[in-house]
Amino acid sequence: MSEDLETRLRRLEDRAAIGEVVIKYGLAVDRRDWSLFADCFTDPVDTDYSGLGSPAKEWERDAFVENIRVHLSGFTATQHISPNHLVAFDEQDPDRAICSSYMYAQHYLEGSPNGDFYLARGSYDNHMLRTEEGWRIQRIVQHVFWQEGNLTAVTESAARFAEA
């Protein structure tokens, strides 16, 4: 097998592995599997959810996972869909890539006086790093294109979680 073919096969394997991490992110949140969710990230992890009002921040992975758990576990159900993955490899470093994808995040908060549904749509830029454990998200940037429904749902979810 030529080196060129080996490189091309490695890229295909890397694309599949990177896509699985990004899909696992949403699946883990929706299943409330916080160990699986943590497995998606490096430690530390940089986040930028400024499109929803949270400042960009570097977190210890466990603190980031706990923050997401607190804010999303009060929902009755969630569904995070991440289609259209476009992977761009760093030409200078084969252990780095950016996976851009769309975001469709549905949240159901049964019985909320402000409305049961909240939807956020946009995209993610997932800055990926190959680690000894496989590809992980080292930095995540969320771009919110539009929101609809109960815009206080995340705050309400966190309050419900705190009361439980």
Protein backbone atom coordinates (compact mmCIF):
# COMPACT_ATOMS: atom_id res chain seq x y z
CA MET A 1 0.00 0.00 0.00
CA SER A 2 1.46 3.36 -0.95
CA GLU A 3 1.90 6.09 1.64
CA ASP A 4 -0.56 8.24 -0.30
CA LEU A 5 -3.24 5.56 -0.06
CA GLU A 6 -2.44 4.99 3.62
CA THR A 7 -2.82 8.71 4.28
CA ARG A 8 -6.11 8.82 2.41
CA LEU A 9 -7.46 5.81 4.32
CA ARG A 10 -6.38 7.38 7.62
CA ARG A 11 -8.27 10.56 6.70
CA LEU A 12 -11.41 8.57 5.98
CA GLU A 13 -11.12 6.77 9.31
CA ASP A 14 -10.48 10.09 11.06
CA ARG A 15 -13.54 11.70 9.41
CA ALA A 16 -15.74 8.85 10.62
CA ALA A 17 -14.31 9.01 14.14
CA ILE A 18 -14.68 12.79 14.33
CA GLY A 19 -18.28 12.62 13.13
CA GLU A 20 -19.06 10.00 15.76
CA VAL A 21 -17.75 12.24 18.55
CA VAL A 22 -19.92 15.13 17.38
CA ILE A 23 -22.99 12.88 17.15
CA LYS A 24 -22.17 11.34 20.54
CA TYR A 25 -22.27 14.85 22.08
CA GLY A 26 -25.97 15.28 21.28
CA LEU A 27 -26.89 11.68 22.00
CA ALA A 28 -25.22 11.80 25.41
CA VAL A 29 -27.07 15.00 26.37
CA ASP A 30 -30.42 13.56 25.29
CA ARG A 31 -29.80 10.31 27.19
CA ARG A 32 -28.46 12.23 30.21
CA ASP A 33 -25.36 10.04 30.01
CA TRP A 34 -22.86 12.43 31.52
CA SER A 35 -19.97 9.98 31.41
CA LEU A 36 -20.48 9.55 27.67
CA PHE A 37 -20.79 13.32 27.32
CA ALA A 38 -17.51 13.88 29.20
CA ASP A 39 -15.83 11.39 26.87
CA CYS A 40 -16.40 13.83 23.98
CA PHE A 41 -14.02 16.47 25.37
CA THR A 42 -10.42 17.15 26.24
CA ASP A 43 -9.49 18.37 29.70
CA PRO A 44 -9.51 21.34 29.78
CA VAL A 45 -12.10 22.33 27.17
CA ASP A 46 -12.74 25.77 25.70
CA THR A 47 -16.37 26.69 25.06
CA ASP A 48 -18.07 29.60 23.35
CA TYR A 49 -21.84 29.66 23.81
CA SER A 50 -21.94 33.46 23.56
CA GLY A 51 -24.77 33.21 21.03
CA LEU A 52 -26.95 32.19 23.97
CA GLY A 53 -25.44 34.70 26.38
CA SER A 54 -22.72 32.60 28.06
CA PRO A 55 -19.23 34.08 27.72
CA ALA A 56 -16.42 32.10 26.14
CA LYS A 57 -14.61 30.17 28.84
CA GLU A 58 -11.99 27.53 29.50
CA TRP A 59 -13.32 24.80 31.79
CA GLU A 60 -12.03 21.78 33.57
CA ARG A 61 -13.94 19.04 31.78
CA ASP A 62 -15.81 17.83 34.88
CA ALA A 63 -16.96 21.36 35.72
CA PHE A 64 -18.19 21.88 32.14
CA VAL A 65 -20.09 18.57 32.18
CA GLU A 66 -21.68 19.48 35.52
CA ASN A 67 -22.74 22.88 34.16
CA ILE A 68 -24.48 21.28 31.17
CA ARG A 69 -26.04 18.61 33.42
CA VAL A 70 -27.50 21.26 35.74
CA HIS A 71 -28.91 23.35 32.91
CA LEU A 72 -30.41 20.55 30.80
CA SER A 73 -31.47 17.80 33.22
CA GLY A 74 -34.65 19.62 34.26
CA PHE A 75 -36.15 19.27 30.79
CA THR A 76 -38.79 16.63 30.24
CA ALA A 77 -36.95 15.68 27.05
CA THR A 78 -34.42 17.08 24.60
CA GLN A 79 -33.35 16.23 21.09
CA HIS A 80 -30.05 17.52 19.71
CA ILE A 81 -29.47 16.85 16.01
CA SER A 82 -26.12 17.56 14.37
CA PRO A 83 -26.18 16.96 10.60
CA ASN A 84 -23.98 18.06 7.69
CA HIS A 85 -20.52 17.45 9.13
CA LEU A 86 -17.72 19.13 7.21
CA VAL A 87 -14.26 18.18 8.46
CA ALA A 88 -11.24 20.35 7.66
CA PHE A 89 -7.89 18.93 8.72
CA ASP A 90 -5.05 21.17 9.86
CA GLU A 91 -2.46 20.82 7.11
CA GLN A 92 0.34 21.57 9.60
CA ASP A 93 -0.82 19.14 12.29
CA PRO A 94 -2.56 15.85 11.37
CA ASP A 95 -3.83 15.53 14.95
CA ARG A 96 -6.07 18.61 14.65
CA ALA A 97 -9.22 19.29 12.67
CA ILE A 98 -12.36 21.40 12.73
CA CYS A 99 -15.73 19.75 12.27
CA SER A 100 -18.42 22.24 11.31
CA SER A 101 -22.01 21.05 11.57
CA TYR A 102 -25.54 22.29 11.83
CA MET A 103 -27.39 22.41 15.15
CA TYR A 104 -31.07 21.66 15.69
CA ALA A 105 -31.79 21.57 19.42
CA GLN A 106 -35.33 20.86 20.63
CA HIS A 107 -36.22 21.13 24.31
CA TYR A 108 -39.50 20.04 25.92
CA LEU A 109 -40.41 21.45 29.33
CA GLU A 110 -43.82 20.01 30.14
CA GLY A 111 -46.11 22.33 32.06
CA SER A 112 -44.02 25.49 31.83
CA PRO A 113 -46.17 28.62 32.12
CA ASN A 114 -43.94 30.19 29.44
CA GLY A 115 -44.52 27.39 26.94
CA ASP A 116 -43.52 23.75 26.69
CA PHE A 117 -41.15 24.06 23.72
CA TYR A 118 -37.87 25.80 23.04
CA LEU A 119 -35.94 25.40 19.78
CA ALA A 120 -32.49 26.68 18.92
CA ARG A 121 -31.04 26.41 15.43
CA GLY A 122 -27.56 27.22 14.24
CA SER A 123 -24.21 25.56 13.83
CA TYR A 124 -21.13 24.37 15.69
CA ASP A 125 -17.44 24.62 15.02
CA ASN A 126 -15.89 21.71 16.90
CA HIS A 127 -12.11 22.08 17.16
CA MET A 128 -10.94 18.48 17.38
CA LEU A 129 -7.75 17.03 18.83
CA ARG A 130 -6.51 13.47 18.41
CA THR A 131 -5.60 12.15 21.87
CA GLU A 132 -4.40 8.75 23.08
CA GLU A 133 -8.08 7.93 23.71
CA GLY A 134 -9.14 9.07 20.21
CA TRP A 135 -10.56 12.29 18.79
CA ARG A 136 -11.97 14.77 21.32
CA ILE A 137 -13.50 18.24 21.18
CA GLN A 138 -10.91 20.69 22.49
CA ARG A 139 -12.92 23.83 21.68
CA ILE A 140 -16.58 24.21 20.79
CA VAL A 141 -18.11 27.34 19.29
CA GLN A 142 -21.88 27.52 18.96
CA HIS A 143 -23.46 29.90 16.45
CA VAL A 144 -27.16 30.58 17.05
CA PHE A 145 -29.06 31.55 13.91
CA TRP A 146 -32.49 31.79 15.50
CA GLN A 147 -34.55 30.67 18.48
CA GLU A 148 -38.24 30.19 18.99
CA GLY A 149 -40.63 29.20 21.72
CA ASN A 150 -39.94 29.54 25.43
CA LEU A 151 -36.71 31.56 25.60
CA THR A 152 -36.55 31.13 29.40
CA ALA A 153 -36.70 27.32 29.19
CA VAL A 154 -33.01 26.70 30.01
CA THR A 155 -33.26 28.81 33.17
CA GLU A 156 -36.48 27.03 34.11
CA SER A 157 -34.86 23.65 33.48
CA ALA A 158 -31.97 24.51 35.81
CA ALA A 159 -34.45 25.63 38.49
CA ARG A 160 -36.41 22.37 38.17
CA PHE A 161 -33.18 20.40 38.45
CA ALA A 162 -32.19 22.31 41.59
CA GLU A 163 -35.59 21.60 43.17
CA ALA A 164 -35.43 17.85 42.45
